[in-house]
Amino acid sequence: MHYGYIGQGNLGANCTACLLRGGFDVTVTDINKDAARAALDAGANWADSPAELAAAVDHVITCLPSPAVSERVAAQMLPAMGSGAHWIEMSTLGRDEVLAFADKAAAHDVRLMELPVTGGVHLAAQGNITMLAGGEKDMFDLHLPALKAMGNQVFHMGPLGSASIIKVITNMLAFIHLKACGEALMLAKRGGLDLAQAWHAIKASSGTSFVHETEGALVLNGSYDVAFNIDLALKDLGFAMEFGREFEVPLELASATRQTYVAARAAYGGEAESPMIVKLLEDLLDTDLRAEGFPARLT
């Protein structure tokens, strides 16, 4: 199976590396060739454009930063793809965008499978990220070896659109957990506790979470560097709020968390790291949350 991989950002580069380690033939392209250097050094082929890539491979995977970028890439890619080829879209999209892209693909006799992921870039580097597939089951079965090369837990969520819903739900929970983690750590600090010991105690308690154990550590280091920015978080929270309106579910915690991210963007900019919502609280109370022994990045 010869895959094309368009997008060599933090996530795409790591997933490409996993495919190459798994023995798959991979051709890559990106707007910045330097971003693909690790993949090329590991044996990937290079294409100068999405169209050139699409014409050279069996199936195409995309991992792109926004629906607008996916739209531009699809316009170049789809006409060059072979009849019956598959487009595996790993970007975080709204359900309506997924369905619209599927219609565009079908016009070129290409089938779409959505494949958002969750767990963080550090798990993608390990090949341990969670993969959430939506689309027809025969496509899922065909590509399962590649999916297992990239992730350790792979779920077929149902028809197209299903994965976009669960992806938004998981991200919404992560952002809420991060806000709660910051407030909990601040309580510990202002209460006079040793922050490192408090972090470990929470980790061992019923109040722990994946976010506390990962992003909480980056807060205590002071790097906040999770390789996921505030603009991306606001995009995902926007999708969550849209689903809440559509499904008539009041999302009070998500709404409050979104407002915190809006304030963080105003304070630090949209490119700032997502965990910097905790820095808002640090700045407000003039109290930092530093502790020794915590990493600057997750590995």
C-alpha atoms as a PDB file:
ATOM      1  CA  MET A   1       0.000   0.000   0.000  1.00  0.00           C
ATOM      2  CA  HIS A   2       1.464   3.321  -1.075  1.00  0.00           C
ATOM      3  CA  TYR A   3       0.144   6.230   0.974  1.00  0.00           C
ATOM      4  CA  GLY A   4       0.484   9.909   0.292  1.00  0.00           C
ATOM      5  CA  TYR A   5       0.650  12.124   3.372  1.00  0.00           C
ATOM      6  CA  ILE A   6      -0.119  15.827   2.983  1.00  0.00           C
ATOM      7  CA  GLY A   7       0.786  17.945   6.001  1.00  0.00           C
ATOM      8  CA  GLN A   8       3.990  17.541   7.994  1.00  0.00           C
ATOM      9  CA  GLY A   9       3.144  19.577  11.071  1.00  0.00           C
ATOM     10  CA  ASN A  10       3.507  18.299  14.632  1.00  0.00           C
ATOM     11  CA  LEU A  11       0.960  15.525  14.207  1.00  0.00           C
ATOM     12  CA  GLY A  12       1.456  14.705  10.541  1.00  0.00           C
ATOM     13  CA  ALA A  13       5.215  14.326  10.834  1.00  0.00           C
ATOM     14  CA  ASN A  14       4.889  11.888  13.728  1.00  0.00           C
ATOM     15  CA  CYS A  15       2.193   9.818  12.027  1.00  0.00           C
ATOM     16  CA  THR A  16       4.287   9.698   8.859  1.00  0.00           C
ATOM     17  CA  ALA A  17       7.236   8.442  10.892  1.00  0.00           C
ATOM     18  CA  CYS A  18       5.049   5.670  12.324  1.00  0.00           C
ATOM     19  CA  LEU A  19       3.934   4.586   8.853  1.00  0.00           C
ATOM     20  CA  LEU A  20       7.530   4.462   7.670  1.00  0.00           C
ATOM     21  CA  ARG A  21       8.564   2.428  10.716  1.00  0.00           C
ATOM     22  CA  GLY A  22       5.670   0.108   9.919  1.00  0.00           C
ATOM     23  CA  GLY A  23       7.111  -0.604   6.499  1.00  0.00           C
ATOM     24  CA  PHE A  24       4.650   1.407   4.409  1.00  0.00           C
ATOM     25  CA  ASP A  25       5.675   3.214   1.254  1.00  0.00           C
ATOM     26  CA  VAL A  26       4.939   6.912   1.863  1.00  0.00           C
ATOM     27  CA  THR A  27       5.144  10.026  -0.295  1.00  0.00           C
ATOM     28  CA  VAL A  28       4.843  13.364   1.483  1.00  0.00           C
ATOM     29  CA  THR A  29       4.306  17.004   0.695  1.00  0.00           C
ATOM     30  CA  ASP A  30       3.931  20.181   2.711  1.00  0.00           C
ATOM     31  CA  ILE A  31       3.945  23.909   2.055  1.00  0.00           C
ATOM     32  CA  ASN A  32       7.301  23.915   3.880  1.00  0.00           C
ATOM     33  CA  LYS A  33       9.680  21.228   2.638  1.00  0.00           C
ATOM     34  CA  ASP A  34      11.864  21.631   5.721  1.00  0.00           C
ATOM     35  CA  ALA A  35       8.962  20.274   7.800  1.00  0.00           C
ATOM     36  CA  ALA A  36       9.268  17.007   5.869  1.00  0.00           C
ATOM     37  CA  ARG A  37      13.013  16.649   6.382  1.00  0.00           C
ATOM     38  CA  ALA A  38      12.716  13.921   9.024  1.00  0.00           C
ATOM     39  CA  ALA A  39      10.327  11.922   6.824  1.00  0.00           C
ATOM     40  CA  LEU A  40      12.596  12.243   3.805  1.00  0.00           C
ATOM     41  CA  ASP A  41      15.611  11.192   5.864  1.00  0.00           C
ATOM     42  CA  ALA A  42      13.620   8.146   7.009  1.00  0.00           C
ATOM     43  CA  GLY A  43      12.872   7.063   3.441  1.00  0.00           C
ATOM     44  CA  ALA A  44       9.752   8.910   2.373  1.00  0.00           C
ATOM     45  CA  ASN A  45       9.394  10.194  -1.170  1.00  0.00           C
ATOM     46  CA  TRP A  46       8.750  13.885  -1.865  1.00  0.00           C
ATOM     47  CA  ALA A  47       6.092  15.421  -4.126  1.00  0.00           C
ATOM     48  CA  ASP A  48       6.158  19.084  -5.117  1.00  0.00           C
ATOM     49  CA  SER A  49       2.381  19.524  -4.869  1.00  0.00           C
ATOM     50  CA  PRO A  50      -0.795  17.802  -3.648  1.00  0.00           C
ATOM     51  CA  ALA A  51      -1.670  17.012  -7.255  1.00  0.00           C
ATOM     52  CA  GLU A  52       1.702  15.386  -7.948  1.00  0.00           C
ATOM     53  CA  LEU A  53       1.412  13.371  -4.746  1.00  0.00           C
ATOM     54  CA  ALA A  54      -2.157  12.258  -5.441  1.00  0.00           C
ATOM     55  CA  ALA A  55      -1.242  10.992  -8.899  1.00  0.00           C
ATOM     56  CA  ALA A  56       1.623   8.889  -7.539  1.00  0.00           C
ATOM     57  CA  VAL A  57      -0.012   6.986  -4.651  1.00  0.00           C
ATOM     58  CA  ASP A  58      -2.828   4.535  -3.923  1.00  0.00           C
ATOM     59  CA  HIS A  59      -4.554   6.560  -1.178  1.00  0.00           C
ATOM     60  CA  VAL A  60      -4.053   9.998   0.375  1.00  0.00           C
ATOM     61  CA  ILE A  61      -3.948  11.028   4.049  1.00  0.00           C
ATOM     62  CA  THR A  62      -4.293  14.700   4.946  1.00  0.00           C
ATOM     63  CA  CYS A  63      -3.534  16.356   8.285  1.00  0.00           C
ATOM     64  CA  LEU A  64      -4.053  20.090   7.928  1.00  0.00           C
ATOM     65  CA  PRO A  65      -4.575  23.065  10.263  1.00  0.00           C
ATOM     66  CA  SER A  66      -7.990  24.312   9.150  1.00  0.00           C
ATOM     67  CA  PRO A  67     -11.004  23.498   6.945  1.00  0.00           C
ATOM     68  CA  ALA A  68      -9.938  26.324   4.607  1.00  0.00           C
ATOM     69  CA  VAL A  69      -6.558  24.685   4.054  1.00  0.00           C
ATOM     70  CA  SER A  70      -8.241  21.302   3.529  1.00  0.00           C
ATOM     71  CA  GLU A  71     -10.470  22.952   0.921  1.00  0.00           C
ATOM     72  CA  ARG A  72      -7.507  24.361  -1.002  1.00  0.00           C
ATOM     73  CA  VAL A  73      -5.607  21.085  -0.873  1.00  0.00           C
ATOM     74  CA  ALA A  74      -8.650  19.065  -1.953  1.00  0.00           C
ATOM     75  CA  ALA A  75      -9.105  21.271  -5.017  1.00  0.00           C
ATOM     76  CA  GLN A  76      -5.622  20.281  -6.187  1.00  0.00           C
ATOM     77  CA  MET A  77      -5.625  16.703  -4.944  1.00  0.00           C
ATOM     78  CA  LEU A  78      -8.984  15.232  -5.901  1.00  0.00           C
ATOM     79  CA  PRO A  79      -8.772  15.640  -9.695  1.00  0.00           C
ATOM     80  CA  ALA A  80      -5.425  13.807  -9.666  1.00  0.00           C
ATOM     81  CA  MET A  81      -6.506  10.844  -7.523  1.00  0.00           C
ATOM     82  CA  GLY A  82      -7.217   7.506  -9.137  1.00  0.00           C
ATOM     83  CA  SER A  83     -10.762   6.254  -9.538  1.00  0.00           C
ATOM     84  CA  GLY A  84     -11.792   4.360  -6.398  1.00  0.00           C
ATOM     85  CA  ALA A  85      -8.992   5.833  -4.293  1.00  0.00           C
ATOM     86  CA  HIS A  86      -9.559   6.805  -0.674  1.00  0.00           C
ATOM     87  CA  TRP A  87      -9.008  10.138   1.064  1.00  0.00           C
ATOM     88  CA  ILE A  88      -8.261   9.721   4.787  1.00  0.00           C
ATOM     89  CA  GLU A  89      -8.811  13.106   6.465  1.00  0.00           C
ATOM     90  CA  MET A  90      -7.133  13.449   9.870  1.00  0.00           C
ATOM     91  CA  SER A  91      -7.807  17.154  10.391  1.00  0.00           C
ATOM     92  CA  THR A  92     -10.285  18.233  13.065  1.00  0.00           C
ATOM     93  CA  LEU A  93     -13.392  19.243  11.122  1.00  0.00           C
ATOM     94  CA  GLY A  94     -17.019  19.942  11.834  1.00  0.00           C
ATOM     95  CA  ARG A  95     -19.416  17.191  10.857  1.00  0.00           C
ATOM     96  CA  ASP A  96     -20.961  19.302   8.094  1.00  0.00           C
ATOM     97  CA  GLU A  97     -17.517  19.959   6.656  1.00  0.00           C
ATOM     98  CA  VAL A  98     -16.749  16.237   6.655  1.00  0.00           C
ATOM     99  CA  LEU A  99     -19.943  15.492   4.753  1.00  0.00           C
ATOM    100  CA  ALA A 100     -19.312  18.330   2.290  1.00  0.00           C
ATOM    101  CA  PHE A 101     -15.805  17.044   1.590  1.00  0.00           C
ATOM    102  CA  ALA A 102     -17.208  13.546   1.065  1.00  0.00           C
ATOM    103  CA  ASP A 103     -19.542  14.929  -1.611  1.00  0.00           C
ATOM    104  CA  LYS A 104     -16.649  16.726  -3.337  1.00  0.00           C
ATOM    105  CA  ALA A 105     -14.615  13.517  -3.257  1.00  0.00           C
ATOM    106  CA  ALA A 106     -17.474  11.431  -4.638  1.00  0.00           C
ATOM    107  CA  ALA A 107     -17.653  13.726  -7.663  1.00  0.00           C
ATOM    108  CA  HIS A 108     -14.141  12.456  -8.513  1.00  0.00           C
ATOM    109  CA  ASP A 109     -14.980   8.800  -7.670  1.00  0.00           C
ATOM    110  CA  VAL A 110     -12.970   9.095  -4.441  1.00  0.00           C
ATOM    111  CA  ARG A 111     -14.258   7.906  -1.058  1.00  0.00           C
ATOM    112  CA  LEU A 112     -13.615   9.743   2.198  1.00  0.00           C
ATOM    113  CA  MET A 113     -12.862   8.356   5.651  1.00  0.00           C
ATOM    114  CA  GLU A 114     -12.508  10.791   8.556  1.00  0.00           C
ATOM    115  CA  LEU A 115      -9.773   9.961  11.063  1.00  0.00           C
ATOM    116  CA  PRO A 116      -9.351  12.551  13.817  1.00  0.00           C
ATOM    117  CA  VAL A 117      -7.022  11.551  16.648  1.00  0.00           C
ATOM    118  CA  THR A 118      -6.750  12.308  20.335  1.00  0.00           C
ATOM    119  CA  GLY A 119      -4.097  11.961  23.034  1.00  0.00           C
ATOM    120  CA  GLY A 120      -1.464  14.530  22.150  1.00  0.00           C
ATOM    121  CA  VAL A 121       1.544  14.904  19.894  1.00  0.00           C
ATOM    122  CA  HIS A 122       3.843  13.035  22.303  1.00  0.00           C
ATOM    123  CA  LEU A 123       1.682   9.905  21.955  1.00  0.00           C
ATOM    124  CA  ALA A 124       1.654  10.295  18.178  1.00  0.00           C
ATOM    125  CA  ALA A 125       5.454  10.231  18.267  1.00  0.00           C
ATOM    126  CA  GLN A 126       5.287   6.913  20.129  1.00  0.00           C
ATOM    127  CA  GLY A 127       2.636   5.425  17.824  1.00  0.00           C
ATOM    128  CA  ASN A 128       0.285   5.348  20.811  1.00  0.00           C
ATOM    129  CA  ILE A 129      -2.284   7.950  19.837  1.00  0.00           C
ATOM    130  CA  THR A 130      -6.000   7.092  19.779  1.00  0.00           C
ATOM    131  CA  MET A 131      -7.581   7.049  16.313  1.00  0.00           C
ATOM    132  CA  LEU A 132     -11.283   7.738  15.736  1.00  0.00           C
ATOM    133  CA  ALA A 133     -12.498   6.594  12.329  1.00  0.00           C
ATOM    134  CA  GLY A 134     -15.762   7.458  10.634  1.00  0.00           C
ATOM    135  CA  GLY A 135     -16.851   6.033   7.300  1.00  0.00           C
ATOM    136  CA  GLU A 136     -17.768   2.808   5.576  1.00  0.00           C
ATOM    137  CA  LYS A 137     -16.566  -0.331   7.328  1.00  0.00           C
ATOM    138  CA  ASP A 138     -14.815  -1.834   4.308  1.00  0.00           C
ATOM    139  CA  MET A 139     -12.553   1.237   4.104  1.00  0.00           C
ATOM    140  CA  PHE A 140     -11.794   1.000   7.807  1.00  0.00           C
ATOM    141  CA  ASP A 141     -10.893  -2.691   7.455  1.00  0.00           C
ATOM    142  CA  LEU A 142      -8.655  -2.053   4.442  1.00  0.00           C
ATOM    143  CA  HIS A 143      -6.649   0.649   6.170  1.00  0.00           C
ATOM    144  CA  LEU A 144      -6.597  -0.908   9.642  1.00  0.00           C
ATOM    145  CA  PRO A 145      -2.936  -2.049   9.368  1.00  0.00           C
ATOM    146  CA  ALA A 146      -1.871   1.534   8.644  1.00  0.00           C
ATOM    147  CA  LEU A 147      -4.082   2.858  11.438  1.00  0.00           C
ATOM    148  CA  LYS A 148      -2.541   0.396  13.874  1.00  0.00           C
ATOM    149  CA  ALA A 149       0.918   1.518  12.795  1.00  0.00           C
ATOM    150  CA  MET A 150       0.016   5.079  13.783  1.00  0.00           C
ATOM    151  CA  GLY A 151      -2.072   4.440  16.908  1.00  0.00           C
ATOM    152  CA  ASN A 152      -2.462   1.865  19.657  1.00  0.00           C
ATOM    153  CA  GLN A 153      -6.224   2.274  20.092  1.00  0.00           C
ATOM    154  CA  VAL A 154      -8.371   2.448  16.971  1.00  0.00           C
ATOM    155  CA  PHE A 155     -12.146   2.899  17.045  1.00  0.00           C
ATOM    156  CA  HIS A 156     -14.598   2.706  14.160  1.00  0.00           C
ATOM    157  CA  MET A 157     -17.221   5.169  15.404  1.00  0.00           C
ATOM    158  CA  GLY A 158     -19.783   4.618  12.639  1.00  0.00           C
ATOM    159  CA  PRO A 159     -20.719   6.431   9.427  1.00  0.00           C
ATOM    160  CA  LEU A 160     -19.152   9.668   8.230  1.00  0.00           C
ATOM    161  CA  GLY A 161     -19.633  12.450  10.742  1.00  0.00           C
ATOM    162  CA  SER A 162     -19.521  10.159  13.778  1.00  0.00           C
ATOM    163  CA  ALA A 163     -15.811  10.613  14.400  1.00  0.00           C
ATOM    164  CA  SER A 164     -16.033  14.402  14.188  1.00  0.00           C
ATOM    165  CA  ILE A 165     -18.593  14.391  16.994  1.00  0.00           C
ATOM    166  CA  ILE A 166     -16.595  12.178  19.364  1.00  0.00           C
ATOM    167  CA  LYS A 167     -13.371  14.071  18.578  1.00  0.00           C
ATOM    168  CA  VAL A 168     -14.993  17.365  19.563  1.00  0.00           C
ATOM    169  CA  ILE A 169     -16.351  15.750  22.727  1.00  0.00           C
ATOM    170  CA  THR A 170     -12.927  14.450  23.771  1.00  0.00           C
ATOM    171  CA  ASN A 171     -11.260  17.807  23.115  1.00  0.00           C
ATOM    172  CA  MET A 172     -14.017  19.662  24.957  1.00  0.00           C
ATOM    173  CA  LEU A 173     -13.419  17.466  27.996  1.00  0.00           C
ATOM    174  CA  ALA A 174      -9.660  18.023  27.796  1.00  0.00           C
ATOM    175  CA  PHE A 175     -10.070  21.817  27.806  1.00  0.00           C
ATOM    176  CA  ILE A 176     -12.491  21.667  30.738  1.00  0.00           C
ATOM    177  CA  HIS A 177     -10.084  19.386  32.615  1.00  0.00           C
ATOM    178  CA  LEU A 178      -7.237  21.825  31.974  1.00  0.00           C
ATOM    179  CA  LYS A 179      -9.185  24.730  33.457  1.00  0.00           C
ATOM    180  CA  ALA A 180     -10.053  22.570  36.476  1.00  0.00           C
ATOM    181  CA  CYS A 181      -6.440  21.416  36.807  1.00  0.00           C
ATOM    182  CA  GLY A 182      -5.209  25.020  36.959  1.00  0.00           C
ATOM    183  CA  GLU A 183      -7.722  25.938  39.625  1.00  0.00           C
ATOM    184  CA  ALA A 184      -6.835  22.845  41.665  1.00  0.00           C
ATOM    185  CA  LEU A 185      -3.099  23.536  41.510  1.00  0.00           C
ATOM    186  CA  MET A 186      -3.703  27.161  42.497  1.00  0.00           C
ATOM    187  CA  LEU A 187      -5.708  26.040  45.514  1.00  0.00           C
ATOM    188  CA  ALA A 188      -2.796  23.814  46.526  1.00  0.00           C
ATOM    189  CA  LYS A 189      -0.246  26.615  46.088  1.00  0.00           C
ATOM    190  CA  ARG A 190      -2.273  29.247  47.931  1.00  0.00           C
ATOM    191  CA  GLY A 191      -3.034  26.702  50.621  1.00  0.00           C
ATOM    192  CA  GLY A 192       0.676  26.379  51.344  1.00  0.00           C
ATOM    193  CA  LEU A 193       1.203  22.882  49.936  1.00  0.00           C
ATOM    194  CA  ASP A 194       4.305  21.655  48.174  1.00  0.00           C
ATOM    195  CA  LEU A 195       3.160  21.777  44.534  1.00  0.00           C
ATOM    196  CA  ALA A 196       5.146  18.775  43.348  1.00  0.00           C
ATOM    197  CA  GLN A 197       3.786  16.663  46.181  1.00  0.00           C
ATOM    198  CA  ALA A 198       0.275  17.973  45.536  1.00  0.00           C
ATOM    199  CA  TRP A 199       0.549  17.038  41.841  1.00  0.00           C
ATOM    200  CA  HIS A 200       1.595  13.499  42.728  1.00  0.00           C
ATOM    201  CA  ALA A 201      -1.161  13.179  45.331  1.00  0.00           C
ATOM    202  CA  ILE A 202      -3.800  14.299  42.806  1.00  0.00           C
ATOM    203  CA  LYS A 203      -2.368  11.867  40.249  1.00  0.00           C
ATOM    204  CA  ALA A 204      -2.880   9.044  42.758  1.00  0.00           C
ATOM    205  CA  SER A 205      -6.412  10.159  43.643  1.00  0.00           C
ATOM    206  CA  SER A 206      -9.921   9.833  42.261  1.00  0.00           C
ATOM    207  CA  GLY A 207      -9.569  13.414  41.026  1.00  0.00           C
ATOM    208  CA  THR A 208      -6.819  12.694  38.519  1.00  0.00           C
ATOM    209  CA  SER A 209      -7.160  13.022  34.751  1.00  0.00           C
ATOM    210  CA  PHE A 210      -5.041  12.479  31.664  1.00  0.00           C
ATOM    211  CA  VAL A 211      -4.758  16.264  31.365  1.00  0.00           C
ATOM    212  CA  HIS A 212      -3.569  16.659  34.968  1.00  0.00           C
ATOM    213  CA  GLU A 213      -0.905  14.016  34.411  1.00  0.00           C
ATOM    214  CA  THR A 214       0.348  15.530  31.140  1.00  0.00           C
ATOM    215  CA  GLU A 215      -0.463  19.215  30.644  1.00  0.00           C
ATOM    216  CA  GLY A 216      -0.477  19.815  34.396  1.00  0.00           C
ATOM    217  CA  ALA A 217       3.177  18.800  34.438  1.00  0.00           C
ATOM    218  CA  LEU A 218       3.976  21.347  31.702  1.00  0.00           C
ATOM    219  CA  VAL A 219       2.266  24.076  33.736  1.00  0.00           C
ATOM    220  CA  LEU A 220       4.431  23.245  36.743  1.00  0.00           C
ATOM    221  CA  ASN A 221       7.516  23.397  34.524  1.00  0.00           C
ATOM    222  CA  GLY A 222       6.432  26.769  33.163  1.00  0.00           C
ATOM    223  CA  SER A 223       6.857  25.852  29.497  1.00  0.00           C
ATOM    224  CA  TYR A 224       3.136  25.225  28.833  1.00  0.00           C
ATOM    225  CA  ASP A 225       4.433  23.612  25.612  1.00  0.00           C
ATOM    226  CA  VAL A 226       1.901  21.021  24.497  1.00  0.00           C
ATOM    227  CA  ALA A 227       2.260  21.844  20.752  1.00  0.00           C
ATOM    228  CA  PHE A 228      -1.407  22.872  20.533  1.00  0.00           C
ATOM    229  CA  ASN A 229      -2.356  26.533  20.498  1.00  0.00           C
ATOM    230  CA  ILE A 230      -5.210  28.658  21.783  1.00  0.00           C
ATOM    231  CA  ASP A 231      -6.689  29.294  18.322  1.00  0.00           C
ATOM    232  CA  LEU A 232      -7.011  25.540  17.741  1.00  0.00           C
ATOM    233  CA  ALA A 233      -8.670  25.096  21.122  1.00  0.00           C
ATOM    234  CA  LEU A 234     -11.173  27.838  20.338  1.00  0.00           C
ATOM    235  CA  LYS A 235     -11.928  26.227  16.991  1.00  0.00           C
ATOM    236  CA  ASP A 236     -12.743  22.926  18.690  1.00  0.00           C
ATOM    237  CA  LEU A 237     -14.794  24.585  21.433  1.00  0.00           C
ATOM    238  CA  GLY A 238     -16.726  26.387  18.702  1.00  0.00           C
ATOM    239  CA  PHE A 239     -17.593  23.034  17.166  1.00  0.00           C
ATOM    240  CA  ALA A 240     -18.707  21.796  20.596  1.00  0.00           C
ATOM    241  CA  MET A 241     -21.003  24.777  21.100  1.00  0.00           C
ATOM    242  CA  GLU A 242     -22.529  24.213  17.653  1.00  0.00           C
ATOM    243  CA  PHE A 243     -23.275  20.580  18.545  1.00  0.00           C
ATOM    244  CA  GLY A 244     -24.763  21.727  21.833  1.00  0.00           C
ATOM    245  CA  ARG A 245     -27.195  23.989  20.010  1.00  0.00           C
ATOM    246  CA  GLU A 246     -28.032  21.345  17.412  1.00  0.00           C
ATOM    247  CA  PHE A 247     -28.612  18.553  19.916  1.00  0.00           C
ATOM    248  CA  GLU A 248     -30.193  20.879  22.511  1.00  0.00           C
ATOM    249  CA  VAL A 249     -27.627  20.098  25.216  1.00  0.00           C
ATOM    250  CA  PRO A 250     -26.705  22.951  27.603  1.00  0.00           C
ATOM    251  CA  LEU A 251     -22.905  23.022  27.746  1.00  0.00           C
ATOM    252  CA  GLU A 252     -22.313  25.216  30.769  1.00  0.00           C
ATOM    253  CA  LEU A 253     -18.780  24.044  31.562  1.00  0.00           C
ATOM    254  CA  ALA A 254     -17.742  24.180  27.911  1.00  0.00           C
ATOM    255  CA  SER A 255     -19.149  27.683  27.594  1.00  0.00           C
ATOM    256  CA  ALA A 256     -17.281  28.936  30.650  1.00  0.00           C
ATOM    257  CA  THR A 257     -14.080  27.272  29.445  1.00  0.00           C
ATOM    258  CA  ARG A 258     -14.462  28.872  26.028  1.00  0.00           C
ATOM    259  CA  GLN A 259     -14.645  32.306  27.658  1.00  0.00           C
ATOM    260  CA  THR A 260     -11.407  31.558  29.491  1.00  0.00           C
ATOM    261  CA  TYR A 261      -9.758  30.732  26.173  1.00  0.00           C
ATOM    262  CA  VAL A 262     -11.109  33.957  24.654  1.00  0.00           C
ATOM    263  CA  ALA A 263      -9.505  35.880  27.523  1.00  0.00           C
ATOM    264  CA  ALA A 264      -6.235  33.961  27.083  1.00  0.00           C
ATOM    265  CA  ARG A 265      -6.138  34.790  23.377  1.00  0.00           C
ATOM    266  CA  ALA A 266      -6.626  38.461  24.183  1.00  0.00           C
ATOM    267  CA  ALA A 267      -3.812  38.314  26.732  1.00  0.00           C
ATOM    268  CA  TYR A 268      -1.255  36.126  24.959  1.00  0.00           C
ATOM    269  CA  GLY A 269      -2.346  35.766  21.318  1.00  0.00           C
ATOM    270  CA  GLY A 270      -3.878  32.888  19.408  1.00  0.00           C
ATOM    271  CA  GLU A 271      -0.519  31.199  18.778  1.00  0.00           C
ATOM    272  CA  ALA A 272       0.156  30.859  22.509  1.00  0.00           C
ATOM    273  CA  GLU A 273       0.098  27.346  23.936  1.00  0.00           C
ATOM    274  CA  SER A 274      -3.272  26.026  25.054  1.00  0.00           C
ATOM    275  CA  PRO A 275      -2.230  25.443  28.723  1.00  0.00           C
ATOM    276  CA  MET A 276      -1.574  29.155  29.067  1.00  0.00           C
ATOM    277  CA  ILE A 277      -5.189  29.542  30.152  1.00  0.00           C
ATOM    278  CA  VAL A 278      -3.725  28.582  33.535  1.00  0.00           C
ATOM    279  CA  LYS A 279      -1.309  31.514  33.297  1.00  0.00           C
ATOM    280  CA  LEU A 280      -4.337  33.813  33.285  1.00  0.00           C
ATOM    281  CA  LEU A 281      -5.046  32.660  36.827  1.00  0.00           C
ATOM    282  CA  GLU A 282      -1.377  32.952  37.772  1.00  0.00           C
ATOM    283  CA  ASP A 283      -1.271  36.526  36.480  1.00  0.00           C
ATOM    284  CA  LEU A 284      -4.566  37.452  38.130  1.00  0.00           C
ATOM    285  CA  LEU A 285      -3.367  36.281  41.537  1.00  0.00           C
ATOM    286  CA  ASP A 286       0.308  37.167  40.999  1.00  0.00           C
ATOM    287  CA  THR A 287       1.133  33.608  42.002  1.00  0.00           C
ATOM    288  CA  ASP A 288       3.196  31.273  39.822  1.00  0.00           C
ATOM    289  CA  LEU A 289       2.720  27.520  39.753  1.00  0.00           C
ATOM    290  CA  ARG A 290       6.315  26.357  39.363  1.00  0.00           C
ATOM    291  CA  ALA A 291       7.772  23.183  40.841  1.00  0.00           C
ATOM    292  CA  GLU A 292      11.002  21.292  40.337  1.00  0.00           C
ATOM    293  CA  GLY A 293      11.246  18.008  38.478  1.00  0.00           C
ATOM    294  CA  PHE A 294       8.665  18.481  35.734  1.00  0.00           C
ATOM    295  CA  PRO A 295       9.386  18.295  31.975  1.00  0.00           C
ATOM    296  CA  ALA A 296       9.332  21.141  29.460  1.00  0.00           C
ATOM    297  CA  ARG A 297       7.791  18.848  26.846  1.00  0.00           C
ATOM    298  CA  LEU A 298       6.044  15.516  26.895  1.00  0.00           C
ATOM    299  CA  THR A 299       7.905  12.520  25.492  1.00  0.00           C
END
